[in-house]
């Protein structure tokens, strides 16, 4: 993975946009990797007879990412919104398989 050019070193909008596009590709790749962990969670939950949604775990994940956001100088409300959507998508993905079994 190549290093990104620091924002201050981008001399024009074309260069800046190229870096944003590269960062977006990395984010998508990370989300795709996260989905493989969700697939493994499906298997483990099935083996243990657990439901797709475990409310305490959802709140734990949201709390952790909000704290991380604050530490990184990001708006925790934005991160909470994004992660709740991501978690809902993940749980729906799990529920399709867990319920079907």
C-alpha atoms as a PDB file:
ATOM      1  CA  UNK A   1       0.000   0.000   0.000  1.00  0.00           C
ATOM      2  CA  UNK A   2       1.495   3.299  -1.050  1.00  0.00           C
ATOM      3  CA  UNK A   3       1.680   6.197   1.340  1.00  0.00           C
ATOM      4  CA  UNK A   4      -0.758   9.038   0.954  1.00  0.00           C
ATOM      5  CA  UNK A   5       0.541  12.505   0.220  1.00  0.00           C
ATOM      6  CA  UNK A   6      -0.091  14.735   3.231  1.00  0.00           C
ATOM      7  CA  UNK A   7      -2.933  17.201   2.566  1.00  0.00           C
ATOM      8  CA  UNK A   8      -0.630  20.238   2.860  1.00  0.00           C
ATOM      9  CA  UNK A   9       1.604  18.772   0.142  1.00  0.00           C
ATOM     10  CA  UNK A  10      -1.246  18.558  -2.389  1.00  0.00           C
ATOM     11  CA  UNK A  11      -0.636  21.521  -4.661  1.00  0.00           C
ATOM     12  CA  UNK A  12      -4.023  21.630  -6.371  1.00  0.00           C
ATOM     13  CA  UNK A  13      -7.518  20.158  -6.272  1.00  0.00           C
ATOM     14  CA  UNK A  14      -6.616  17.440  -8.782  1.00  0.00           C
ATOM     15  CA  UNK A  15      -3.872  16.133  -6.494  1.00  0.00           C
ATOM     16  CA  UNK A  16      -6.059  16.496  -3.419  1.00  0.00           C
ATOM     17  CA  UNK A  17      -8.944  14.634  -5.050  1.00  0.00           C
ATOM     18  CA  UNK A  18      -6.604  11.849  -6.145  1.00  0.00           C
ATOM     19  CA  UNK A  19      -5.549  11.369  -2.524  1.00  0.00           C
ATOM     20  CA  UNK A  20      -9.152  11.404  -1.316  1.00  0.00           C
ATOM     21  CA  UNK A  21     -10.014   8.796  -3.964  1.00  0.00           C
ATOM     22  CA  UNK A  22      -7.088   6.647  -2.831  1.00  0.00           C
ATOM     23  CA  UNK A  23      -8.197   6.972   0.777  1.00  0.00           C
ATOM     24  CA  UNK A  24     -11.765   6.044  -0.189  1.00  0.00           C
ATOM     25  CA  UNK A  25     -10.459   2.880  -1.882  1.00  0.00           C
ATOM     26  CA  UNK A  26      -8.644   1.968   1.330  1.00  0.00           C
ATOM     27  CA  UNK A  27     -11.759   2.570   3.406  1.00  0.00           C
ATOM     28  CA  UNK A  28     -13.830   0.356   1.108  1.00  0.00           C
ATOM     29  CA  UNK A  29     -11.171  -2.361   1.299  1.00  0.00           C
ATOM     30  CA  UNK A  30     -11.227  -2.174   5.101  1.00  0.00           C
ATOM     31  CA  UNK A  31     -15.014  -2.418   5.127  1.00  0.00           C
ATOM     32  CA  UNK A  32     -14.823  -5.449   2.837  1.00  0.00           C
ATOM     33  CA  UNK A  33     -12.357  -7.029   5.262  1.00  0.00           C
ATOM     34  CA  UNK A  34     -14.686  -6.206   8.161  1.00  0.00           C
ATOM     35  CA  UNK A  35     -17.465  -8.033   6.301  1.00  0.00           C
ATOM     36  CA  UNK A  36     -15.345 -11.198   6.287  1.00  0.00           C
ATOM     37  CA  UNK A  37     -15.232 -10.987  10.077  1.00  0.00           C
ATOM     38  CA  UNK A  38     -18.999 -10.621  10.112  1.00  0.00           C
ATOM     39  CA  UNK A  39     -19.209 -13.797   8.036  1.00  0.00           C
ATOM     40  CA  UNK A  40     -17.119 -15.575  10.654  1.00  0.00           C
ATOM     41  CA  UNK A  41     -19.351 -14.141  13.392  1.00  0.00           C
ATOM     42  CA  UNK A  42     -22.293 -15.775  11.622  1.00  0.00           C
ATOM     43  CA  UNK A  43     -20.609 -19.164  11.893  1.00  0.00           C
ATOM     44  CA  UNK A  44     -19.693 -18.702  15.546  1.00  0.00           C
ATOM     45  CA  UNK A  45     -23.126 -17.390  16.494  1.00  0.00           C
ATOM     46  CA  UNK A  46     -24.751 -20.378  14.806  1.00  0.00           C
ATOM     47  CA  UNK A  47     -22.461 -22.780  16.668  1.00  0.00           C
ATOM     48  CA  UNK A  48     -23.355 -21.122  19.976  1.00  0.00           C
ATOM     49  CA  UNK A  49     -27.057 -20.603  19.258  1.00  0.00           C
ATOM     50  CA  UNK A  50     -26.705 -16.854  19.579  1.00  0.00           C
ATOM     51  CA  UNK A  51     -28.965 -14.325  17.840  1.00  0.00           C
ATOM     52  CA  UNK A  52     -27.734 -11.950  15.165  1.00  0.00           C
ATOM     53  CA  UNK A  53     -28.348  -8.873  17.361  1.00  0.00           C
ATOM     54  CA  UNK A  54     -26.736  -8.728  20.786  1.00  0.00           C
ATOM     55  CA  UNK A  55     -27.739  -5.284  22.109  1.00  0.00           C
ATOM     56  CA  UNK A  56     -24.987  -4.999  24.738  1.00  0.00           C
ATOM     57  CA  UNK A  57     -22.345  -5.701  22.092  1.00  0.00           C
ATOM     58  CA  UNK A  58     -23.857  -3.119  19.743  1.00  0.00           C
ATOM     59  CA  UNK A  59     -23.619  -0.450  22.434  1.00  0.00           C
ATOM     60  CA  UNK A  60     -20.077  -1.537  23.337  1.00  0.00           C
ATOM     61  CA  UNK A  61     -18.933  -1.167  19.720  1.00  0.00           C
ATOM     62  CA  UNK A  62     -20.619   2.222  19.328  1.00  0.00           C
ATOM     63  CA  UNK A  63     -19.109   3.479  22.580  1.00  0.00           C
ATOM     64  CA  UNK A  64     -15.612   2.385  21.538  1.00  0.00           C
ATOM     65  CA  UNK A  65     -15.742   4.014  18.108  1.00  0.00           C
ATOM     66  CA  UNK A  66     -17.152   7.234  19.546  1.00  0.00           C
ATOM     67  CA  UNK A  67     -14.277   7.382  22.027  1.00  0.00           C
ATOM     68  CA  UNK A  68     -11.817   6.699  19.214  1.00  0.00           C
ATOM     69  CA  UNK A  69     -13.431   9.452  17.135  1.00  0.00           C
ATOM     70  CA  UNK A  70     -13.028  11.958  19.955  1.00  0.00           C
ATOM     71  CA  UNK A  71      -9.390  10.985  20.315  1.00  0.00           C
ATOM     72  CA  UNK A  72      -8.877  11.496  16.577  1.00  0.00           C
ATOM     73  CA  UNK A  73     -10.632  14.868  16.567  1.00  0.00           C
ATOM     74  CA  UNK A  74     -13.700  13.609  14.705  1.00  0.00           C
ATOM     75  CA  UNK A  75     -17.319  14.353  15.516  1.00  0.00           C
ATOM     76  CA  UNK A  76     -18.481  11.383  17.619  1.00  0.00           C
ATOM     77  CA  UNK A  77     -22.096  11.950  16.549  1.00  0.00           C
ATOM     78  CA  UNK A  78     -21.122  11.464  12.913  1.00  0.00           C
ATOM     79  CA  UNK A  79     -19.176   8.315  13.771  1.00  0.00           C
ATOM     80  CA  UNK A  80     -22.087   6.998  15.841  1.00  0.00           C
ATOM     81  CA  UNK A  81     -24.450   7.520  12.910  1.00  0.00           C
ATOM     82  CA  UNK A  82     -22.097   5.813  10.474  1.00  0.00           C
ATOM     83  CA  UNK A  83     -21.373   2.888  12.796  1.00  0.00           C
ATOM     84  CA  UNK A  84     -25.000   2.291  13.707  1.00  0.00           C
ATOM     85  CA  UNK A  85     -25.732   2.027   9.975  1.00  0.00           C
ATOM     86  CA  UNK A  86     -22.761  -0.313   9.516  1.00  0.00           C
ATOM     87  CA  UNK A  87     -23.835  -2.426  12.486  1.00  0.00           C
ATOM     88  CA  UNK A  88     -27.436  -2.596  11.263  1.00  0.00           C
ATOM     89  CA  UNK A  89     -26.191  -3.754   7.859  1.00  0.00           C
ATOM     90  CA  UNK A  90     -23.959  -6.363   9.518  1.00  0.00           C
ATOM     91  CA  UNK A  91     -26.757  -7.666  11.724  1.00  0.00           C
ATOM     92  CA  UNK A  92     -29.127  -7.875   8.755  1.00  0.00           C
ATOM     93  CA  UNK A  93     -26.441  -9.865   6.906  1.00  0.00           C
ATOM     94  CA  UNK A  94     -26.120 -12.203   9.890  1.00  0.00           C
ATOM     95  CA  UNK A  95     -29.882 -12.535  10.369  1.00  0.00           C
ATOM     96  CA  UNK A  96     -30.416 -13.650   6.777  1.00  0.00           C
ATOM     97  CA  UNK A  97     -28.243 -16.704   7.397  1.00  0.00           C
ATOM     98  CA  UNK A  98     -28.981 -17.378  11.068  1.00  0.00           C
ATOM     99  CA  UNK A  99     -32.759 -17.283  10.587  1.00  0.00           C
ATOM    100  CA  UNK A 100     -32.546 -19.352   7.394  1.00  0.00           C
ATOM    101  CA  UNK A 101     -30.834 -22.213   9.198  1.00  0.00           C
END
